[in-house]
Every structure is written in C-alpha cells, then in structure tokens.
PDB file of N, CA and C in Angstrom:
ATOM      1  N   MET A   1       0.649  -1.146  -0.058  1.00  0.00           N
ATOM      2  CA  MET A   1      -0.205   0.071   0.037  1.00  0.00           C
ATOM      3  C   MET A   1       0.912   1.254   0.049  1.00  0.00           C
ATOM      4  N   SER A   2       0.501   2.168  -0.946  1.00  0.00           N
ATOM      5  CA  SER A   2       1.316   3.544  -0.921  1.00  0.00           C
ATOM      6  C   SER A   2       0.920   4.096  -0.059  1.00  0.00           C
ATOM      7  N   PHE A   3       1.706   5.447   0.251  1.00  0.00           N
ATOM      8  CA  PHE A   3       1.689   6.610   1.436  1.00  0.00           C
ATOM      9  C   PHE A   3       0.396   6.991   1.142  1.00  0.00           C
ATOM     10  N   VAL A   4      -0.035   7.448  -0.154  1.00  0.00           N
ATOM     11  CA  VAL A   4      -1.493   8.253  -0.269  1.00  0.00           C
ATOM     12  C   VAL A   4      -2.525   6.923  -0.012  1.00  0.00           C
ATOM     13  N   ASP A   5      -2.210   6.110  -0.572  1.00  0.00           N
ATOM     14  CA  ASP A   5      -3.365   4.911  -0.517  1.00  0.00           C
ATOM     15  C   ASP A   5      -3.705   4.874   1.019  1.00  0.00           C
ATOM     16  N   ALA A   6      -2.593   4.619   2.102  1.00  0.00           N
ATOM     17  CA  ALA A   6      -2.769   4.673   3.417  1.00  0.00           C
ATOM     18  C   ALA A   6      -3.421   5.410   4.124  1.00  0.00           C
ATOM     19  N   ILE A   7      -3.415   6.902   3.761  1.00  0.00           N
ATOM     20  CA  ILE A   7      -3.927   8.053   4.370  1.00  0.00           C
ATOM     21  C   ILE A   7      -5.319   8.042   3.811  1.00  0.00           C
ATOM     22  N   LYS A   8      -5.532   7.832   2.510  1.00  0.00           N
ATOM     23  CA  LYS A   8      -6.898   7.748   1.907  1.00  0.00           C
ATOM     24  C   LYS A   8      -7.797   6.617   2.615  1.00  0.00           C
ATOM     25  N   SER A   9      -7.013   5.391   3.018  1.00  0.00           N
ATOM     26  CA  SER A   9      -8.047   4.287   3.490  1.00  0.00           C
ATOM     27  C   SER A   9      -8.157   4.781   5.095  1.00  0.00           C
ATOM     28  N   VAL A  10      -7.479   5.148   5.635  1.00  0.00           N
ATOM     29  CA  VAL A  10      -7.661   5.608   7.453  1.00  0.00           C
ATOM     30  C   VAL A  10      -8.776   6.560   7.265  1.00  0.00           C
ATOM     31  N   PHE A  11      -8.601   7.807   6.530  1.00  0.00           N
ATOM     32  CA  PHE A  11      -9.840   8.578   6.683  1.00  0.00           C
ATOM     33  C   PHE A  11     -10.852   8.258   5.984  1.00  0.00           C
ATOM     34  N   THR A  12     -11.084   7.243   5.155  1.00  0.00           N
ATOM     35  CA  THR A  12     -12.169   6.673   4.564  1.00  0.00           C
ATOM     36  C   THR A  12     -12.962   5.755   5.627  1.00  0.00           C
ATOM     37  N   GLN A  13     -11.967   5.146   6.602  1.00  0.00           N
ATOM     38  CA  GLN A  13     -12.571   4.290   7.583  1.00  0.00           C
ATOM     39  C   GLN A  13     -12.426   5.092   8.916  1.00  0.00           C
ATOM     40  N   TYR A  14     -12.857   6.318   8.733  1.00  0.00           N
ATOM     41  CA  TYR A  14     -12.717   7.033   9.999  1.00  0.00           C
ATOM     42  C   TYR A  14     -13.144   6.646  11.498  1.00  0.00           C
ATOM     43  N   VAL A  15     -14.092   6.066  11.637  1.00  0.00           N
ATOM     44  CA  VAL A  15     -14.499   5.478  12.669  1.00  0.00           C
ATOM     45  C   VAL A  15     -14.766   3.954  12.487  1.00  0.00           C
ATOM     46  N   GLY A  16     -14.175   3.268  11.449  1.00  0.00           N
ATOM     47  CA  GLY A  16     -14.145   1.999  11.263  1.00  0.00           C
ATOM     48  C   GLY A  16     -13.369   1.087  12.209  1.00  0.00           C
ATOM     49  N   PHE A  17     -14.050   0.326  13.105  1.00  0.00           N
ATOM     50  CA  PHE A  17     -13.177  -0.305  14.165  1.00  0.00           C
ATOM     51  C   PHE A  17     -13.237  -1.929  13.736  1.00  0.00           C
ATOM     52  N   SER A  18     -13.801  -2.319  12.873  1.00  0.00           N
ATOM     53  CA  SER A  18     -13.694  -3.865  12.471  1.00  0.00           C
ATOM     54  C   SER A  18     -13.140  -3.909  11.215  1.00  0.00           C
ATOM     55  N   GLY A  19     -12.242  -4.915  10.891  1.00  0.00           N
ATOM     56  CA  GLY A  19     -11.808  -5.261  10.012  1.00  0.00           C
ATOM     57  C   GLY A  19     -10.208  -5.065  10.250  1.00  0.00           C
ATOM     58  N   ARG A  20      -9.474  -5.322   9.207  1.00  0.00           N
ATOM     59  CA  ARG A  20      -7.975  -5.281   9.561  1.00  0.00           C
ATOM     60  C   ARG A  20      -7.127  -4.398   8.738  1.00  0.00           C
ATOM     61  N   ALA A  21      -5.962  -4.051   9.220  1.00  0.00           N
ATOM     62  CA  ALA A  21      -5.087  -2.950   8.364  1.00  0.00           C
ATOM     63  C   ALA A  21      -3.809  -3.301   8.603  1.00  0.00           C
ATOM     64  N   ARG A  22      -3.186  -3.441   7.504  1.00  0.00           N
ATOM     65  CA  ARG A  22      -1.862  -3.878   7.170  1.00  0.00           C
ATOM     66  C   ARG A  22      -0.711  -2.932   7.834  1.00  0.00           C
ATOM     67  N   ARG A  23       0.494  -3.593   7.924  1.00  0.00           N
ATOM     68  CA  ARG A  23       1.420  -2.880   8.501  1.00  0.00           C
ATOM     69  C   ARG A  23       1.622  -1.531   8.051  1.00  0.00           C
ATOM     70  N   SER A  24       1.808  -1.439   6.451  1.00  0.00           N
ATOM     71  CA  SER A  24       2.056  -0.051   5.727  1.00  0.00           C
ATOM     72  C   SER A  24       1.074   0.789   5.852  1.00  0.00           C
ATOM     73  N   GLU A  25      -0.194   0.293   6.301  1.00  0.00           N
ATOM     74  CA  GLU A  25      -1.351   1.438   6.304  1.00  0.00           C
ATOM     75  C   GLU A  25      -1.209   1.937   7.772  1.00  0.00           C
ATOM     76  N   TYR A  26      -0.882   1.235   8.742  1.00  0.00           N
ATOM     77  CA  TYR A  26      -0.776   1.824  10.210  1.00  0.00           C
ATOM     78  C   TYR A  26       0.526   2.879  10.172  1.00  0.00           C
ATOM     79  N   TRP A  27       1.692   2.251   9.747  1.00  0.00           N
ATOM     80  CA  TRP A  27       2.976   2.862   9.695  1.00  0.00           C
ATOM     81  C   TRP A  27       2.991   4.138   8.642  1.00  0.00           C
ATOM     82  N   PHE A  28       2.621   4.090   7.741  1.00  0.00           N
ATOM     83  CA  PHE A  28       2.278   5.409   6.715  1.00  0.00           C
ATOM     84  C   PHE A  28       1.522   6.197   7.543  1.00  0.00           C
ATOM     85  N   PHE A  29       0.313   6.152   8.203  1.00  0.00           N
ATOM     86  CA  PHE A  29      -0.647   6.974   8.806  1.00  0.00           C
ATOM     87  C   PHE A  29       0.277   7.434  10.021  1.00  0.00           C
ATOM     88  N   CYS A  30       1.029   6.751  10.623  1.00  0.00           N
ATOM     89  CA  CYS A  30       2.006   7.589  11.953  1.00  0.00           C
ATOM     90  C   CYS A  30       2.773   8.318  11.313  1.00  0.00           C
ATOM     91  N   LEU A  31       3.422   8.069  10.095  1.00  0.00           N
ATOM     92  CA  LEU A  31       4.479   9.186   9.659  1.00  0.00           C
ATOM     93  C   LEU A  31       3.851  10.321   9.016  1.00  0.00           C
ATOM     94  N   PHE A  32       2.559  10.019   8.496  1.00  0.00           N
ATOM     95  CA  PHE A  32       1.948  11.336   8.081  1.00  0.00           C
ATOM     96  C   PHE A  32       1.229  12.079   9.137  1.00  0.00           C
ATOM     97  N   ASN A  33       0.804  11.623  10.435  1.00  0.00           N
ATOM     98  CA  ASN A  33       0.538  12.263  11.592  1.00  0.00           C
ATOM     99  C   ASN A  33       1.690  13.076  12.269  1.00  0.00           C
ATOM    100  N   ILE A  34       3.041  12.324  11.995  1.00  0.00           N
ATOM    101  CA  ILE A  34       4.205  12.830  12.854  1.00  0.00           C
ATOM    102  C   ILE A  34       4.581  14.168  12.175  1.00  0.00           C
ATOM    103  N   ILE A  35       4.255  14.147  10.875  1.00  0.00           N
ATOM    104  CA  ILE A  35       4.558  15.121   9.809  1.00  0.00           C
ATOM    105  C   ILE A  35       3.753  16.331  10.127  1.00  0.00           C
ATOM    106  N   VAL A  36       2.291  16.321  10.223  1.00  0.00           N
ATOM    107  CA  VAL A  36       1.507  17.323  10.184  1.00  0.00           C
ATOM    108  C   VAL A  36       1.642  18.002  11.432  1.00  0.00           C
ATOM    109  N   SER A  37       1.785  16.784  12.422  1.00  0.00           N
ATOM    110  CA  SER A  37       1.698  17.465  13.845  1.00  0.00           C
ATOM    111  C   SER A  37       3.109  18.370  14.161  1.00  0.00           C
ATOM    112  N   GLY A  38       4.289  17.867  13.851  1.00  0.00           N
ATOM    113  CA  GLY A  38       5.510  18.439  13.755  1.00  0.00           C
ATOM    114  C   GLY A  38       5.332  19.925  13.027  1.00  0.00           C
ATOM    115  N   VAL A  39       4.830  19.966  11.749  1.00  0.00           N
ATOM    116  CA  VAL A  39       4.752  21.437  11.256  1.00  0.00           C
ATOM    117  C   VAL A  39       3.671  22.048  11.885  1.00  0.00           C
ATOM    118  N   LEU A  40       2.624  21.802  12.310  1.00  0.00           N
ATOM    119  CA  LEU A  40       1.435  22.512  13.166  1.00  0.00           C
ATOM    120  C   LEU A  40       2.409  22.920  14.419  1.00  0.00           C
ATOM    121  N   SER A  41       3.131  22.042  14.992  1.00  0.00           N
ATOM    122  CA  SER A  41       3.909  22.784  16.500  1.00  0.00           C
ATOM    123  C   SER A  41       4.734  23.613  16.256  1.00  0.00           C
ATOM    124  N   ALA A  42       5.545  23.440  14.952  1.00  0.00           N
ATOM    125  CA  ALA A  42       6.552  24.597  14.872  1.00  0.00           C
ATOM    126  C   ALA A  42       5.693  25.649  14.297  1.00  0.00           C
ATOM    127  N   LEU A  43       4.778  25.509  13.596  1.00  0.00           N
ATOM    128  CA  LEU A  43       3.891  27.105  13.513  1.00  0.00           C
ATOM    129  C   LEU A  43       3.391  27.619  14.650  1.00  0.00           C
ATOM    130  N   ALA A  44       2.912  26.846  15.570  1.00  0.00           N
ATOM    131  CA  ALA A  44       2.324  27.183  16.861  1.00  0.00           C
ATOM    132  C   ALA A  44       3.183  27.938  17.830  1.00  0.00           C
ATOM    133  N   ARG A  45       4.650  27.892  17.587  1.00  0.00           N
ATOM    134  CA  ARG A  45       5.592  28.437  18.736  1.00  0.00           C
ATOM    135  C   ARG A  45       5.416  30.068  18.245  1.00  0.00           C
ATOM    136  N   GLY A  46       4.615  30.448  17.098  1.00  0.00           N
ATOM    137  CA  GLY A  46       4.593  31.898  16.887  1.00  0.00           C
ATOM    138  C   GLY A  46       3.162  32.339  17.755  1.00  0.00           C
ATOM    139  N   GLY A  47       2.680  31.637  18.048  1.00  0.00           N
ATOM    140  CA  GLY A  47       1.326  31.849  19.057  1.00  0.00           C
ATOM    141  C   GLY A  47       0.111  32.279  18.012  1.00  0.00           C
ATOM    142  N   GLY A  48      -1.045  32.739  18.658  1.00  0.00           N
ATOM    143  CA  GLY A  48      -2.036  33.039  17.939  1.00  0.00           C
ATOM    144  C   GLY A  48      -2.770  31.885  17.319  1.00  0.00           C
ATOM    145  N   ILE A  49      -3.605  32.204  16.422  1.00  0.00           N
ATOM    146  CA  ILE A  49      -4.482  31.218  15.608  1.00  0.00           C
ATOM    147  C   ILE A  49      -3.817  29.981  15.280  1.00  0.00           C
ATOM    148  N   LEU A  50      -2.621  30.003  15.178  1.00  0.00           N
ATOM    149  CA  LEU A  50      -1.822  28.807  14.362  1.00  0.00           C
ATOM    150  C   LEU A  50      -1.633  27.753  15.938  1.00  0.00           C
ATOM    151  N   SER A  51      -1.808  28.209  16.809  1.00  0.00           N
ATOM    152  CA  SER A  51      -1.720  27.243  18.226  1.00  0.00           C
ATOM    153  C   SER A  51      -2.994  26.568  18.383  1.00  0.00           C
ATOM    154  N   ILE A  52      -4.299  27.370  17.852  1.00  0.00           N
ATOM    155  CA  ILE A  52      -5.156  26.558  17.965  1.00  0.00           C
ATOM    156  C   ILE A  52      -5.402  25.520  16.800  1.00  0.00           C
ATOM    157  N   LEU A  53      -4.940  25.492  15.590  1.00  0.00           N
ATOM    158  CA  LEU A  53      -4.785  24.692  14.621  1.00  0.00           C
ATOM    159  C   LEU A  53      -4.138  23.321  15.013  1.00  0.00           C
ATOM    160  N   SER A  54      -3.131  23.459  15.994  1.00  0.00           N
ATOM    161  CA  SER A  54      -2.382  22.249  16.381  1.00  0.00           C
ATOM    162  C   SER A  54      -3.637  21.445  17.366  1.00  0.00           C
ATOM    163  N   VAL A  55      -4.209  22.090  18.047  1.00  0.00           N
ATOM    164  CA  VAL A  55      -5.184  21.563  18.942  1.00  0.00           C
ATOM    165  C   VAL A  55      -6.202  21.108  18.326  1.00  0.00           C
ATOM    166  N   ILE A  56      -6.843  21.599  17.104  1.00  0.00           N
ATOM    167  CA  ILE A  56      -7.839  21.289  16.421  1.00  0.00           C
ATOM    168  C   ILE A  56      -7.430  19.622  15.716  1.00  0.00           C
ATOM    169  N   TRP A  57      -6.260  19.954  15.155  1.00  0.00           N
ATOM    170  CA  TRP A  57      -5.646  18.889  14.555  1.00  0.00           C
ATOM    171  C   TRP A  57      -5.474  17.296  15.347  1.00  0.00           C
ATOM    172  N   SER A  58      -4.901  17.723  16.608  1.00  0.00           N
ATOM    173  CA  SER A  58      -4.991  16.622  17.804  1.00  0.00           C
ATOM    174  C   SER A  58      -6.262  16.070  17.946  1.00  0.00           C
ATOM    175  N   LEU A  59      -7.458  16.656  18.099  1.00  0.00           N
ATOM    176  CA  LEU A  59      -8.808  16.585  18.405  1.00  0.00           C
ATOM    177  C   LEU A  59      -9.226  15.663  17.208  1.00  0.00           C
ATOM    178  N   ALA A  60      -9.172  16.291  16.026  1.00  0.00           N
ATOM    179  CA  ALA A  60      -9.597  15.574  14.783  1.00  0.00           C
ATOM    180  C   ALA A  60      -8.881  14.160  14.513  1.00  0.00           C
ATOM    181  N   ILE A  61      -7.863  13.974  14.552  1.00  0.00           N
ATOM    182  CA  ILE A  61      -7.186  12.853  14.376  1.00  0.00           C
ATOM    183  C   ILE A  61      -7.340  11.709  15.449  1.00  0.00           C
ATOM    184  N   PHE A  62      -7.907  12.184  16.553  1.00  0.00           N
ATOM    185  CA  PHE A  62      -7.898  10.958  17.699  1.00  0.00           C
ATOM    186  C   PHE A  62      -8.500   9.732  17.419  1.00  0.00           C
ATOM    187  N   LEU A  63      -9.803   9.889  16.906  1.00  0.00           N
ATOM    188  CA  LEU A  63     -10.800   8.706  16.227  1.00  0.00           C
ATOM    189  C   LEU A  63      -9.891   7.987  14.994  1.00  0.00           C
ATOM    190  N   PRO A  64      -9.420   8.510  14.029  1.00  0.00           N
ATOM    191  CA  PRO A  64      -9.003   7.705  13.033  1.00  0.00           C
ATOM    192  C   PRO A  64      -7.707   6.803  13.650  1.00  0.00           C
ATOM    193  N   SER A  65      -6.844   7.717  14.502  1.00  0.00           N
ATOM    194  CA  SER A  65      -5.728   6.655  14.972  1.00  0.00           C
ATOM    195  C   SER A  65      -6.095   5.734  15.886  1.00  0.00           C
ATOM    196  N   LEU A  66      -7.143   5.994  16.773  1.00  0.00           N
ATOM    197  CA  LEU A  66      -7.741   4.722  17.349  1.00  0.00           C
ATOM    198  C   LEU A  66      -8.087   3.582  16.568  1.00  0.00           C
ATOM    199  N   ALA A  67      -8.773   3.906  15.541  1.00  0.00           N
ATOM    200  CA  ALA A  67      -9.379   3.153  14.662  1.00  0.00           C
ATOM    201  C   ALA A  67      -8.575   2.313  14.120  1.00  0.00           C
ATOM    202  N   VAL A  68      -7.507   2.966  13.349  1.00  0.00           N
ATOM    203  CA  VAL A  68      -6.301   1.992  12.746  1.00  0.00           C
ATOM    204  C   VAL A  68      -5.334   1.360  13.507  1.00  0.00           C
ATOM    205  N   CYS A  69      -5.292   1.693  15.027  1.00  0.00           N
ATOM    206  CA  CYS A  69      -4.627   1.045  15.893  1.00  0.00           C
ATOM    207  C   CYS A  69      -5.336  -0.408  16.320  1.00  0.00           C
ATOM    208  N   ILE A  70      -6.932  -0.481  16.338  1.00  0.00           N
ATOM    209  CA  ILE A  70      -7.444  -1.312  16.696  1.00  0.00           C
ATOM    210  C   ILE A  70      -7.381  -2.190  15.463  1.00  0.00           C
ATOM    211  N   ARG A  71      -7.774  -1.916  14.145  1.00  0.00           N
ATOM    212  CA  ARG A  71      -7.495  -2.421  12.959  1.00  0.00           C
ATOM    213  C   ARG A  71      -6.259  -3.341  12.848  1.00  0.00           C
ATOM    214  N   ARG A  72      -5.195  -2.725  13.174  1.00  0.00           N
ATOM    215  CA  ARG A  72      -3.783  -3.033  13.164  1.00  0.00           C
ATOM    216  C   ARG A  72      -3.906  -4.287  14.030  1.00  0.00           C
ATOM    217  N   LEU A  73      -4.343  -4.375  15.482  1.00  0.00           N
ATOM    218  CA  LEU A  73      -4.192  -5.492  16.255  1.00  0.00           C
ATOM    219  C   LEU A  73      -5.211  -6.498  15.843  1.00  0.00           C
ATOM    220  N   HIS A  74      -6.257  -6.261  15.204  1.00  0.00           N
ATOM    221  CA  HIS A  74      -6.987  -7.149  14.418  1.00  0.00           C
ATOM    222  C   HIS A  74      -6.289  -8.085  13.619  1.00  0.00           C
ATOM    223  N   ASP A  75      -5.596  -7.395  12.892  1.00  0.00           N
ATOM    224  CA  ASP A  75      -4.566  -7.918  11.737  1.00  0.00           C
ATOM    225  C   ASP A  75      -3.659  -8.994  12.078  1.00  0.00           C
ATOM    226  N   ILE A  76      -3.250  -8.972  13.110  1.00  0.00           N
ATOM    227  CA  ILE A  76      -2.288  -9.861  13.927  1.00  0.00           C
ATOM    228  C   ILE A  76      -3.011 -10.729  14.736  1.00  0.00           C
ATOM    229  N   GLY A  77      -4.380 -10.703  14.835  1.00  0.00           N
ATOM    230  CA  GLY A  77      -5.158 -11.786  15.559  1.00  0.00           C
ATOM    231  C   GLY A  77      -5.630 -11.254  16.748  1.00  0.00           C
ATOM    232  N   LYS A  78      -5.314 -10.040  17.311  1.00  0.00           N
ATOM    233  CA  LYS A  78      -5.724  -9.653  18.789  1.00  0.00           C
ATOM    234  C   LYS A  78      -6.887  -9.085  18.730  1.00  0.00           C
ATOM    235  N   SER A  79      -7.368  -8.915  19.841  1.00  0.00           N
ATOM    236  CA  SER A  79      -8.570  -8.140  20.122  1.00  0.00           C
ATOM    237  C   SER A  79      -8.330  -6.598  20.235  1.00  0.00           C
ATOM    238  N   GLY A  80      -9.339  -6.001  19.776  1.00  0.00           N
ATOM    239  CA  GLY A  80      -8.749  -4.234  19.912  1.00  0.00           C
ATOM    240  C   GLY A  80      -8.875  -4.059  21.364  1.00  0.00           C
ATOM    241  N   TRP A  81      -9.310  -4.685  22.295  1.00  0.00           N
ATOM    242  CA  TRP A  81      -9.047  -4.388  23.855  1.00  0.00           C
ATOM    243  C   TRP A  81      -7.540  -4.356  24.267  1.00  0.00           C
ATOM    244  N   TRP A  82      -6.809  -5.068  23.685  1.00  0.00           N
ATOM    245  CA  TRP A  82      -5.508  -4.969  23.813  1.00  0.00           C
ATOM    246  C   TRP A  82      -4.703  -3.734  23.847  1.00  0.00           C
ATOM    247  N   TYR A  83      -5.440  -2.756  23.017  1.00  0.00           N
ATOM    248  CA  TYR A  83      -4.656  -1.423  23.046  1.00  0.00           C
ATOM    249  C   TYR A  83      -4.811  -0.676  24.457  1.00  0.00           C
ATOM    250  N   LEU A  84      -5.695  -0.944  25.387  1.00  0.00           N
ATOM    251  CA  LEU A  84      -5.725  -0.681  26.646  1.00  0.00           C
ATOM    252  C   LEU A  84      -4.096  -0.896  27.253  1.00  0.00           C
ATOM    253  N   LEU A  85      -3.437  -1.647  26.659  1.00  0.00           N
ATOM    254  CA  LEU A  85      -2.010  -1.936  27.315  1.00  0.00           C
ATOM    255  C   LEU A  85      -1.237  -0.555  27.304  1.00  0.00           C
ATOM    256  N   ALA A  86      -1.622   0.358  26.555  1.00  0.00           N
ATOM    257  CA  ALA A  86      -1.037   1.801  26.266  1.00  0.00           C
ATOM    258  C   ALA A  86      -1.013   2.555  27.518  1.00  0.00           C
ATOM    259  N   PHE A  87      -1.866   2.104  28.474  1.00  0.00           N
ATOM    260  CA  PHE A  87      -2.153   3.057  29.677  1.00  0.00           C
ATOM    261  C   PHE A  87      -1.063   2.334  30.885  1.00  0.00           C
ATOM    262  N   ILE A  88      -0.364   1.423  30.514  1.00  0.00           N
ATOM    263  CA  ILE A  88       0.912   0.802  31.432  1.00  0.00           C
ATOM    264  C   ILE A  88       2.033   1.394  30.664  1.00  0.00           C
ATOM    265  N   PRO A  89       2.578   2.523  31.527  1.00  0.00           N
ATOM    266  CA  PRO A  89       3.835   3.222  31.118  1.00  0.00           C
ATOM    267  C   PRO A  89       4.969   2.197  30.736  1.00  0.00           C
ATOM    268  N   LEU A  90       5.325   2.897  29.792  1.00  0.00           N
ATOM    269  CA  LEU A  90       6.814   2.084  29.101  1.00  0.00           C
ATOM    270  C   LEU A  90       6.755   0.607  28.635  1.00  0.00           C
ATOM    271  N   VAL A  91       6.115   0.025  29.533  1.00  0.00           N
ATOM    272  CA  VAL A  91       6.001  -1.787  29.202  1.00  0.00           C
ATOM    273  C   VAL A  91       4.730  -1.784  28.115  1.00  0.00           C
ATOM    274  N   GLY A  92       3.771  -1.246  28.532  1.00  0.00           N
ATOM    275  CA  GLY A  92       2.511  -1.340  27.097  1.00  0.00           C
ATOM    276  C   GLY A  92       3.093  -0.724  26.086  1.00  0.00           C
ATOM    277  N   ALA A  93       3.584   0.564  25.860  1.00  0.00           N
ATOM    278  CA  ALA A  93       4.222   1.006  24.702  1.00  0.00           C
ATOM    279  C   ALA A  93       4.919  -0.035  23.946  1.00  0.00           C
ATOM    280  N   ILE A  94       6.017  -0.681  24.588  1.00  0.00           N
ATOM    281  CA  ILE A  94       7.022  -1.461  23.984  1.00  0.00           C
ATOM    282  C   ILE A  94       6.378  -2.743  23.637  1.00  0.00           C
ATOM    283  N   ILE A  95       5.289  -3.235  24.423  1.00  0.00           N
ATOM    284  CA  ILE A  95       4.657  -4.176  23.727  1.00  0.00           C
ATOM    285  C   ILE A  95       3.714  -4.010  22.403  1.00  0.00           C
ATOM    286  N   LEU A  96       3.240  -2.794  22.436  1.00  0.00           N
ATOM    287  CA  LEU A  96       2.519  -2.592  21.229  1.00  0.00           C
ATOM    288  C   LEU A  96       3.096  -2.408  20.045  1.00  0.00           C
ATOM    289  N   ILE A  97       4.447  -1.651  20.433  1.00  0.00           N
ATOM    290  CA  ILE A  97       5.063  -1.337  18.964  1.00  0.00           C
ATOM    291  C   ILE A  97       5.479  -2.695  18.422  1.00  0.00           C
ATOM    292  N   ILE A  98       5.842  -3.577  19.233  1.00  0.00           N
ATOM    293  CA  ILE A  98       6.322  -5.006  19.017  1.00  0.00           C
ATOM    294  C   ILE A  98       5.049  -5.627  17.816  1.00  0.00           C
ATOM    295  N   TRP A  99       3.975  -5.343  18.743  1.00  0.00           N
ATOM    296  CA  TRP A  99       2.940  -6.252  17.906  1.00  0.00           C
ATOM    297  C   TRP A  99       2.406  -5.315  16.394  1.00  0.00           C
ATOM    298  N   PHE A 100       2.728  -4.150  16.858  1.00  0.00           N
ATOM    299  CA  PHE A 100       2.327  -3.274  15.228  1.00  0.00           C
ATOM    300  C   PHE A 100       3.280  -3.575  14.301  1.00  0.00           C
ATOM    301  N   CYS A 101       4.802  -3.996  14.504  1.00  0.00           N
ATOM    302  CA  CYS A 101       5.535  -4.370  13.590  1.00  0.00           C
ATOM    303  C   CYS A 101       5.421  -5.712  13.104  1.00  0.00           C
ATOM    304  N   LYS A 102       4.666  -6.677  13.791  1.00  0.00           N
ATOM    305  CA  LYS A 102       4.470  -8.204  13.417  1.00  0.00           C
ATOM    306  C   LYS A 102       3.787  -8.127  11.977  1.00  0.00           C
ATOM    307  N   ASP A 103       4.168  -9.169  11.445  1.00  0.00           N
ATOM    308  CA  ASP A 103       3.213  -9.298   9.909  1.00  0.00           C
ATOM    309  C   ASP A 103       1.889  -9.877  10.114  1.00  0.00           C
ATOM    310  N   SER A 104       1.059  -9.646   9.234  1.00  0.00           N
ATOM    311  CA  SER A 104      -0.037  -9.901   9.267  1.00  0.00           C
ATOM    312  C   SER A 104      -0.598 -11.649   9.554  1.00  0.00           C
ATOM    313  N   GLU A 105      -1.565 -12.139   9.978  1.00  0.00           N
ATOM    314  CA  GLU A 105      -2.035 -13.404  10.127  1.00  0.00           C
ATOM    315  C   GLU A 105      -1.908 -13.745   8.531  1.00  0.00           C
ATOM    316  N   PRO A 106      -1.681 -14.773   8.149  1.00  0.00           N
ATOM    317  CA  PRO A 106      -1.940 -15.304   6.691  1.00  0.00           C
ATOM    318  C   PRO A 106      -3.544 -15.712   6.705  1.00  0.00           C
ATOM    319  N   GLY A 107      -4.313 -15.407   5.772  1.00  0.00           N
ATOM    320  CA  GLY A 107      -5.704 -15.912   5.457  1.00  0.00           C
ATOM    321  C   GLY A 107      -6.524 -15.107   6.425  1.00  0.00           C
ATOM    322  N   ALA A 108      -7.553 -15.307   6.371  1.00  0.00           N
ATOM    323  CA  ALA A 108      -8.607 -14.998   7.006  1.00  0.00           C
ATOM    324  C   ALA A 108      -8.416 -15.255   8.557  1.00  0.00           C
ATOM    325  N   ASN A 109      -8.827 -14.253   9.429  1.00  0.00           N
ATOM    326  CA  ASN A 109      -8.835 -14.415  11.029  1.00  0.00           C
ATOM    327  C   ASN A 109     -10.282 -14.121  11.517  1.00  0.00           C
ATOM    328  N   ALA A 110     -10.552 -14.057  12.740  1.00  0.00           N
ATOM    329  CA  ALA A 110     -11.610 -13.791  13.418  1.00  0.00           C
ATOM    330  C   ALA A 110     -12.461 -12.616  12.932  1.00  0.00           C
ATOM    331  N   TYR A 111     -11.416 -11.663  12.395  1.00  0.00           N
ATOM    332  CA  TYR A 111     -11.679 -10.353  12.251  1.00  0.00           C
ATOM    333  C   TYR A 111     -11.751  -9.938  10.603  1.00  0.00           C
ATOM    334  N   GLY A 112     -11.736 -10.954   9.832  1.00  0.00           N
ATOM    335  CA  GLY A 112     -11.972 -10.690   8.643  1.00  0.00           C
ATOM    336  C   GLY A 112     -10.794 -11.132   7.439  1.00  0.00           C
ATOM    337  N   PRO A 113     -11.126 -11.124   6.349  1.00  0.00           N
ATOM    338  CA  PRO A 113     -10.078 -11.611   5.268  1.00  0.00           C
ATOM    339  C   PRO A 113      -8.985 -10.609   5.407  1.00  0.00           C
ATOM    340  N   ASN A 114      -7.792 -11.327   5.256  1.00  0.00           N
ATOM    341  CA  ASN A 114      -6.481 -10.548   4.891  1.00  0.00           C
ATOM    342  C   ASN A 114      -6.465  -9.285   3.919  1.00  0.00           C
ATOM    343  N   PRO A 115      -6.324  -8.244   4.363  1.00  0.00           N
ATOM    344  CA  PRO A 115      -6.337  -7.057   3.004  1.00  0.00           C
ATOM    345  C   PRO A 115      -5.193  -7.105   2.571  1.00  0.00           C
ATOM    346  N   LYS A 116      -5.393  -6.554   1.045  1.00  0.00           N
ATOM    347  CA  LYS A 116      -4.410  -6.503   0.095  1.00  0.00           C
ATOM    348  C   LYS A 116      -3.620  -5.784   0.327  1.00  0.00           C
ATOM    349  N   GLU A 117      -2.433  -6.191  -0.180  1.00  0.00           N
ATOM    350  CA  GLU A 117      -1.064  -5.457   0.206  1.00  0.00           C
ATOM    351  C   GLU A 117      -0.783  -4.106  -0.496  1.00  0.00           C
TER     352      GLU A 117
END
C-alpha cells in the first residue's frame, strides 16, 4: 500500500473499528501524523491562531488513530481491547510497538479476510 493510499484508507474508515489494517497502512499513517503534527507545532510557536490549529488537528485525528490501531491489532489476531496496554507506562508501549511491527496473520482470521497489500 502506498503512502497516499494508506492515508486515504484511514480517513475513509474514519471510525471503522472492524476489519484489518496492514503494517504499511498503520505506519504510513503514523508518519503522516508525525509530519503534520510537527509542522503545526513549529508554526504554533508563533502563537495566535496557529496554536489553535494544532489543538484542532490533535482532536480531529484522535478517532482515526484509534481506529487504525485497533484494526492493526485485528490484523495480527488480537482483540482491540489489547490497546488498553497503552495505559501501562513504558512496558505497554513497548509491547504494542512490537505487535504493530509483526506481519499479518496469513489468510482470514476472526476479524475478516487478509487485506490486500
């Protein structure tokens, strides 16, 4: 999946918590979010209306980020509830990063068919 296709896919499934998301979709979306957040944060240093844009972006991206994380967990055969590991300081984040780097389960699993590359 290309960078642009991954971004389109995430925003098309804005609050789609069912199904599966490939590694490329998840990581390209993370890269996109880091770039946009970095640019907005750099512009927000000037203050004024630009700092409000950074807050608006953070709020607008919350649900798509959560949805793609849960679909990524589904892709490796885990329930979306495992995302609650993020609330365990350091250890939870390390476990989730390792899981997000794993390859998809081959074939269909309980969460749907294997998405196309």
